[in-house]
Amino acid sequence: MTSSAACIFCKIIKGDIPSFKLIETSLSYAFLDINPLSRGHALVIPKYHAEKMHELPDEYLADALPVAKKIAAAQGVENYNILQNNGRIAHQFVDHVHFHVIPKPSESDNEGLVIGWPQQDISQDQLATIHAELKNKL
């Protein structure tokens, strides 16, 4: 496992900063968000310091989502979001991979995740071009 001395999440994992821990495995650590969007909003963080998801070893990803699933079930709400951002313009504010588990208890925009979804009109030809580009890189 790697860590960064300056990273707030690495400090939480090490116990240097207190948290309301929910679940800990050998690869993941989950705790309540101190600035929640709704009651029970939690974070799941890998114990490996990586800034972006594509930099994280697969075994940490494989561990994190079952932890998020358990928390979502424990929150007891029918609707919730699992959110993971990569980079500042994608709204990542802590440079350590993390997954938000955010209950959405009602249709209100007063609690839970509130997002816009700026869908774009795109032709089948444009989709085919993008598909080919991505397939070649996979």
C-alpha atoms as a PDB file:
ATOM      1  CA  MET A   1       0.000   0.000   0.000  1.00  0.00           C
ATOM      2  CA  THR A   2       1.209   3.476  -0.787  1.00  0.00           C
ATOM      3  CA  SER A   3       0.362   6.675   1.014  1.00  0.00           C
ATOM      4  CA  SER A   4       1.068  10.378   0.799  1.00  0.00           C
ATOM      5  CA  ALA A   5       2.112  12.299   3.911  1.00  0.00           C
ATOM      6  CA  ALA A   6       0.136  15.357   2.756  1.00  0.00           C
ATOM      7  CA  CYS A   7      -3.067  13.492   1.818  1.00  0.00           C
ATOM      8  CA  ILE A   8      -5.996  13.975   4.201  1.00  0.00           C
ATOM      9  CA  PHE A   9      -7.444  10.545   3.306  1.00  0.00           C
ATOM     10  CA  CYS A  10      -4.093   8.817   3.918  1.00  0.00           C
ATOM     11  CA  LYS A  11      -4.017  10.542   7.314  1.00  0.00           C
ATOM     12  CA  ILE A  12      -7.539   9.256   8.065  1.00  0.00           C
ATOM     13  CA  ILE A  13      -6.527   5.696   7.107  1.00  0.00           C
ATOM     14  CA  LYS A  14      -3.480   5.898   9.415  1.00  0.00           C
ATOM     15  CA  GLY A  15      -5.606   7.257  12.271  1.00  0.00           C
ATOM     16  CA  ASP A  16      -3.842  10.628  12.369  1.00  0.00           C
ATOM     17  CA  ILE A  17      -7.191  12.331  11.712  1.00  0.00           C
ATOM     18  CA  PRO A  18     -10.310  10.948  13.424  1.00  0.00           C
ATOM     19  CA  SER A  19     -13.256   9.682  11.400  1.00  0.00           C
ATOM     20  CA  PHE A  20     -16.591   7.972  11.884  1.00  0.00           C
ATOM     21  CA  LYS A  21     -15.414   4.639  10.475  1.00  0.00           C
ATOM     22  CA  LEU A  22     -18.080   2.339   9.051  1.00  0.00           C
ATOM     23  CA  ILE A  23     -16.134  -0.525   7.448  1.00  0.00           C
ATOM     24  CA  GLU A  24     -12.455  -1.377   7.118  1.00  0.00           C
ATOM     25  CA  THR A  25     -10.970  -4.162   5.017  1.00  0.00           C
ATOM     26  CA  SER A  26      -7.363  -4.877   4.178  1.00  0.00           C
ATOM     27  CA  LEU A  27      -7.736  -2.721   1.031  1.00  0.00           C
ATOM     28  CA  SER A  28     -10.511  -0.201   1.784  1.00  0.00           C
ATOM     29  CA  TYR A  29     -11.627   2.202   4.481  1.00  0.00           C
ATOM     30  CA  ALA A  30     -15.148   3.687   4.668  1.00  0.00           C
ATOM     31  CA  PHE A  31     -16.420   6.506   6.854  1.00  0.00           C
ATOM     32  CA  LEU A  32     -19.105   9.169   7.091  1.00  0.00           C
ATOM     33  CA  ASP A  33     -18.569  12.337   5.055  1.00  0.00           C
ATOM     34  CA  ILE A  34     -18.168  15.342   7.385  1.00  0.00           C
ATOM     35  CA  ASN A  35     -19.924  17.589   4.825  1.00  0.00           C
ATOM     36  CA  PRO A  36     -22.786  15.291   3.813  1.00  0.00           C
ATOM     37  CA  LEU A  37     -25.259  15.905   1.019  1.00  0.00           C
ATOM     38  CA  SER A  38     -27.792  13.788   2.931  1.00  0.00           C
ATOM     39  CA  ARG A  39     -28.071  11.701   6.099  1.00  0.00           C
ATOM     40  CA  GLY A  40     -25.637   8.773   5.957  1.00  0.00           C
ATOM     41  CA  HIS A  41     -23.493  10.121   3.068  1.00  0.00           C
ATOM     42  CA  ALA A  42     -20.329   8.015   3.238  1.00  0.00           C
ATOM     43  CA  LEU A  43     -16.968   7.748   1.514  1.00  0.00           C
ATOM     44  CA  VAL A  44     -15.152   4.571   0.513  1.00  0.00           C
ATOM     45  CA  ILE A  45     -11.434   5.066  -0.023  1.00  0.00           C
ATOM     46  CA  PRO A  46      -8.787   2.594  -1.121  1.00  0.00           C
ATOM     47  CA  LYS A  47      -5.815   2.183   1.200  1.00  0.00           C
ATOM     48  CA  TYR A  48      -3.576   2.747  -1.823  1.00  0.00           C
ATOM     49  CA  HIS A  49      -2.835   6.380  -2.619  1.00  0.00           C
ATOM     50  CA  ALA A  50      -3.747   7.084  -6.239  1.00  0.00           C
ATOM     51  CA  GLU A  51      -5.123  10.386  -7.461  1.00  0.00           C
ATOM     52  CA  LYS A  52      -7.259   8.988 -10.275  1.00  0.00           C
ATOM     53  CA  MET A  53      -9.118   5.728 -10.774  1.00  0.00           C
ATOM     54  CA  HIS A  54      -7.050   4.605 -13.779  1.00  0.00           C
ATOM     55  CA  GLU A  55      -3.935   4.752 -11.558  1.00  0.00           C
ATOM     56  CA  LEU A  56      -5.400   2.430  -8.914  1.00  0.00           C
ATOM     57  CA  PRO A  57      -4.524  -1.300  -8.938  1.00  0.00           C
ATOM     58  CA  ASP A  58      -7.529  -3.467  -9.848  1.00  0.00           C
ATOM     59  CA  GLU A  59      -7.636  -5.343  -6.540  1.00  0.00           C
ATOM     60  CA  TYR A  60      -8.456  -2.081  -4.729  1.00  0.00           C
ATOM     61  CA  LEU A  61     -11.293  -1.365  -7.143  1.00  0.00           C
ATOM     62  CA  ALA A  62     -12.594  -4.907  -6.701  1.00  0.00           C
ATOM     63  CA  ASP A  63     -12.700  -4.383  -2.928  1.00  0.00           C
ATOM     64  CA  ALA A  64     -14.237  -0.892  -2.882  1.00  0.00           C
ATOM     65  CA  LEU A  65     -17.549  -1.548  -4.638  1.00  0.00           C
ATOM     66  CA  PRO A  66     -18.690  -4.413  -2.371  1.00  0.00           C
ATOM     67  CA  VAL A  67     -17.972  -2.072   0.568  1.00  0.00           C
ATOM     68  CA  ALA A  68     -20.059   0.651  -1.110  1.00  0.00           C
ATOM     69  CA  LYS A  69     -22.833  -1.905  -1.710  1.00  0.00           C
ATOM     70  CA  LYS A  70     -22.940  -2.843   1.981  1.00  0.00           C
ATOM     71  CA  ILE A  71     -23.138   0.799   3.005  1.00  0.00           C
ATOM     72  CA  ALA A  72     -25.904   1.519   0.477  1.00  0.00           C
ATOM     73  CA  ALA A  73     -27.916  -1.395   1.866  1.00  0.00           C
ATOM     74  CA  ALA A  74     -27.344  -0.234   5.458  1.00  0.00           C
ATOM     75  CA  GLN A  75     -28.511   3.294   4.621  1.00  0.00           C
ATOM     76  CA  GLY A  76     -31.954   1.832   4.099  1.00  0.00           C
ATOM     77  CA  VAL A  77     -33.073   4.061   1.238  1.00  0.00           C
ATOM     78  CA  GLU A  78     -34.375   2.869  -2.093  1.00  0.00           C
ATOM     79  CA  ASN A  79     -32.510   5.517  -4.099  1.00  0.00           C
ATOM     80  CA  TYR A  80     -28.863   6.486  -3.870  1.00  0.00           C
ATOM     81  CA  ASN A  81     -25.873   7.558  -5.954  1.00  0.00           C
ATOM     82  CA  ILE A  82     -22.396   6.081  -6.150  1.00  0.00           C
ATOM     83  CA  LEU A  83     -20.134   8.890  -7.330  1.00  0.00           C
ATOM     84  CA  GLN A  84     -16.442   8.857  -8.237  1.00  0.00           C
ATOM     85  CA  ASN A  85     -14.747  11.936  -9.765  1.00  0.00           C
ATOM     86  CA  ASN A  86     -11.325  12.227 -11.431  1.00  0.00           C
ATOM     87  CA  GLY A  87      -9.628  15.638 -11.691  1.00  0.00           C
ATOM     88  CA  ARG A  88     -10.517  19.189 -10.675  1.00  0.00           C
ATOM     89  CA  ILE A  89     -12.788  20.028 -13.594  1.00  0.00           C
ATOM     90  CA  ALA A  90     -14.632  16.755 -12.890  1.00  0.00           C
ATOM     91  CA  HIS A  91     -15.244  18.012  -9.309  1.00  0.00           C
ATOM     92  CA  GLN A  92     -12.568  15.997  -7.475  1.00  0.00           C
ATOM     93  CA  PHE A  93     -11.350  18.025  -4.511  1.00  0.00           C
ATOM     94  CA  VAL A  94      -9.270  15.453  -2.627  1.00  0.00           C
ATOM     95  CA  ASP A  95      -6.475  13.954  -4.717  1.00  0.00           C
ATOM     96  CA  HIS A  96      -7.082  10.387  -3.541  1.00  0.00           C
ATOM     97  CA  VAL A  97      -9.504   8.041  -5.287  1.00  0.00           C
ATOM     98  CA  HIS A  98     -12.771   7.869  -3.381  1.00  0.00           C
ATOM     99  CA  PHE A  99     -16.334   6.745  -3.895  1.00  0.00           C
ATOM    100  CA  HIS A 100     -19.261   8.678  -2.450  1.00  0.00           C
ATOM    101  CA  VAL A 101     -22.292   6.665  -1.335  1.00  0.00           C
ATOM    102  CA  ILE A 102     -25.021   9.296  -1.243  1.00  0.00           C
ATOM    103  CA  PRO A 103     -28.576   8.488  -0.134  1.00  0.00           C
ATOM    104  CA  LYS A 104     -31.316  10.211  -2.144  1.00  0.00           C
ATOM    105  CA  PRO A 105     -34.256  10.020   0.287  1.00  0.00           C
ATOM    106  CA  SER A 106     -36.647  12.206  -1.729  1.00  0.00           C
ATOM    107  CA  GLU A 107     -37.107  13.947  -5.078  1.00  0.00           C
ATOM    108  CA  SER A 108     -36.249  17.250  -3.417  1.00  0.00           C
ATOM    109  CA  ASP A 109     -33.161  19.149  -4.509  1.00  0.00           C
ATOM    110  CA  ASN A 110     -32.581  19.979  -0.829  1.00  0.00           C
ATOM    111  CA  GLU A 111     -30.760  16.731  -0.007  1.00  0.00           C
ATOM    112  CA  GLY A 112     -28.773  14.091  -1.822  1.00  0.00           C
ATOM    113  CA  LEU A 113     -26.927  14.564  -5.079  1.00  0.00           C
ATOM    114  CA  VAL A 114     -28.332  17.200  -7.426  1.00  0.00           C
ATOM    115  CA  ILE A 115     -26.921  17.137 -10.940  1.00  0.00           C
ATOM    116  CA  GLY A 116     -27.492  18.417 -14.422  1.00  0.00           C
ATOM    117  CA  TRP A 117     -27.157  16.064 -17.364  1.00  0.00           C
ATOM    118  CA  PRO A 118     -26.213  18.061 -20.471  1.00  0.00           C
ATOM    119  CA  GLN A 119     -27.043  15.450 -23.096  1.00  0.00           C
ATOM    120  CA  GLN A 120     -25.620  16.089 -26.532  1.00  0.00           C
ATOM    121  CA  ASP A 121     -27.155  15.338 -29.894  1.00  0.00           C
ATOM    122  CA  ILE A 122     -24.771  13.043 -31.743  1.00  0.00           C
ATOM    123  CA  SER A 123     -25.094  11.210 -35.027  1.00  0.00           C
ATOM    124  CA  GLN A 124     -24.654   7.480 -35.507  1.00  0.00           C
ATOM    125  CA  ASP A 125     -21.586   8.259 -37.674  1.00  0.00           C
ATOM    126  CA  GLN A 126     -20.018  10.264 -34.840  1.00  0.00           C
ATOM    127  CA  LEU A 127     -20.767   7.456 -32.384  1.00  0.00           C
ATOM    128  CA  ALA A 128     -19.195   4.935 -34.783  1.00  0.00           C
ATOM    129  CA  THR A 129     -16.035   7.052 -35.030  1.00  0.00           C
ATOM    130  CA  ILE A 130     -15.746   7.378 -31.240  1.00  0.00           C
ATOM    131  CA  HIS A 131     -16.450   3.654 -30.849  1.00  0.00           C
ATOM    132  CA  ALA A 132     -13.643   2.753 -33.263  1.00  0.00           C
ATOM    133  CA  GLU A 133     -11.180   5.109 -31.542  1.00  0.00           C
ATOM    134  CA  LEU A 134     -11.901   3.652 -28.102  1.00  0.00           C
ATOM    135  CA  LYS A 135     -11.950   0.013 -29.266  1.00  0.00           C
ATOM    136  CA  ASN A 136      -8.498   0.497 -30.822  1.00  0.00           C
ATOM    137  CA  LYS A 137      -7.156   1.717 -27.480  1.00  0.00           C
ATOM    138  CA  LEU A 138      -8.705  -1.146 -25.503  1.00  0.00           C
END
